Amino acid sequence: MRRSEFNVDDYEAMQTCEYGTNELFEKTITCPYCWERFSTVVEPSLELGETYVEDCYICCRPIEMTVVAKEEDSIDIRATAIDGNAF
């Protein structure tokens, strides 16, 4: 989209998610490798059962994140190790 074609209504539409807000959920998880706890943010548009990979902020190894519960104002994720990534 060229800058001249962009308008405020388009921007507001891009900032809205399924629940009508663009707020991210902050979650504290425990790394399945180094067992350190760290905070991460989760997109509210993720669906139940959806998975994605995020690196641990401490040891930098990949963690598979799975959405295990979802409500209108909260989301729960499960963090699991990916096979073959242990020391």
Protein backbone atom coordinates (compact mmCIF):
# COMPACT_ATOMS: atom_id res chain seq x y z
CA MET A 1 0.00 0.00 0.00
CA ARG A 2 1.42 3.35 -0.98
CA ARG A 3 1.49 6.05 1.65
CA SER A 4 -0.96 8.20 -0.29
CA GLU A 5 -3.53 5.36 -0.25
CA PHE A 6 -3.37 4.89 3.54
CA ASN A 7 -6.04 6.43 5.75
CA VAL A 8 -6.91 6.42 9.44
CA ASP A 9 -9.78 3.94 9.04
CA ASP A 10 -7.39 1.38 7.52
CA TYR A 11 -4.97 1.83 10.42
CA GLU A 12 -7.71 1.34 13.03
CA ALA A 13 -8.92 -1.80 11.26
CA MET A 14 -5.39 -3.25 11.29
CA GLN A 15 -5.07 -2.59 15.03
CA THR A 16 -8.25 -4.48 15.97
CA CYS A 17 -8.17 -8.18 16.73
CA GLU A 18 -10.94 -10.73 17.22
CA TYR A 19 -11.95 -9.27 20.59
CA GLY A 20 -11.95 -5.65 19.46
CA THR A 21 -8.69 -4.73 21.17
CA ASN A 22 -5.05 -4.78 20.16
CA GLU A 23 -3.73 -5.58 23.64
CA LEU A 24 -1.25 -8.41 23.97
CA PHE A 25 -1.38 -10.87 26.87
CA GLU A 26 1.72 -10.98 29.06
CA LYS A 27 2.49 -14.46 30.38
CA THR A 28 5.26 -15.76 32.63
CA ILE A 29 6.56 -19.16 31.55
CA THR A 30 9.25 -21.55 32.72
CA CYS A 31 11.81 -22.64 30.14
CA PRO A 32 11.75 -26.45 29.75
CA TYR A 33 15.55 -26.44 29.23
CA CYS A 34 17.12 -24.07 31.79
CA TRP A 35 14.09 -23.87 34.14
CA GLU A 36 14.35 -20.08 34.36
CA ARG A 37 11.13 -18.06 34.39
CA PHE A 38 10.63 -15.18 31.97
CA SER A 39 7.80 -13.04 30.65
CA THR A 40 6.61 -13.15 27.08
CA VAL A 41 3.71 -11.61 25.19
CA VAL A 42 1.04 -13.62 23.41
CA GLU A 43 -1.09 -12.46 20.49
CA PRO A 44 -4.80 -12.52 21.41
CA SER A 45 -5.68 -13.68 17.87
CA LEU A 46 -4.14 -17.15 18.40
CA GLU A 47 -6.64 -20.00 18.32
CA LEU A 48 -7.03 -22.88 20.77
CA GLY A 49 -4.52 -25.63 19.89
CA GLU A 50 -2.38 -23.33 17.75
CA THR A 51 1.39 -23.67 18.22
CA TYR A 52 4.35 -21.43 17.53
CA VAL A 53 8.06 -21.44 18.39
CA GLU A 54 9.73 -18.82 20.55
CA ASP A 55 13.31 -18.79 21.86
CA CYS A 56 13.98 -18.72 25.60
CA TYR A 57 15.12 -15.24 26.61
CA ILE A 58 17.78 -16.75 28.91
CA CYS A 59 19.30 -19.82 27.17
CA CYS A 60 18.11 -19.02 23.60
CA ARG A 61 16.84 -22.54 22.86
CA PRO A 62 13.56 -22.94 20.93
CA ILE A 63 10.39 -23.58 22.91
CA GLU A 64 7.15 -24.82 21.37
CA MET A 65 4.26 -22.73 22.71
CA THR A 66 0.76 -24.21 22.49
CA VAL A 67 -2.48 -22.36 23.28
CA VAL A 68 -4.25 -24.67 25.77
CA ALA A 69 -7.06 -22.42 27.04
CA LYS A 70 -8.62 -19.24 25.74
CA GLU A 71 -11.18 -16.89 27.21
CA GLU A 72 -12.27 -13.46 26.04
CA ASP A 73 -9.86 -11.69 28.39
CA SER A 74 -7.12 -14.29 28.92
CA ILE A 75 -5.09 -16.96 27.17
CA ASP A 76 -3.04 -19.85 28.61
CA ILE A 77 -0.07 -21.44 26.91
CA ARG A 78 1.98 -24.59 27.47
CA ALA A 79 5.74 -24.41 26.92
CA THR A 80 7.45 -27.64 25.81
CA ALA A 81 10.96 -28.56 24.74
CA ILE A 82 11.58 -29.39 21.10
CA ASP A 83 13.30 -32.78 20.66
CA GLY A 84 16.99 -32.62 19.81
CA ASN A 85 17.68 -29.25 21.45
CA ALA A 86 19.11 -30.35 24.80
CA PHE A 87 22.76 -29.72 25.64
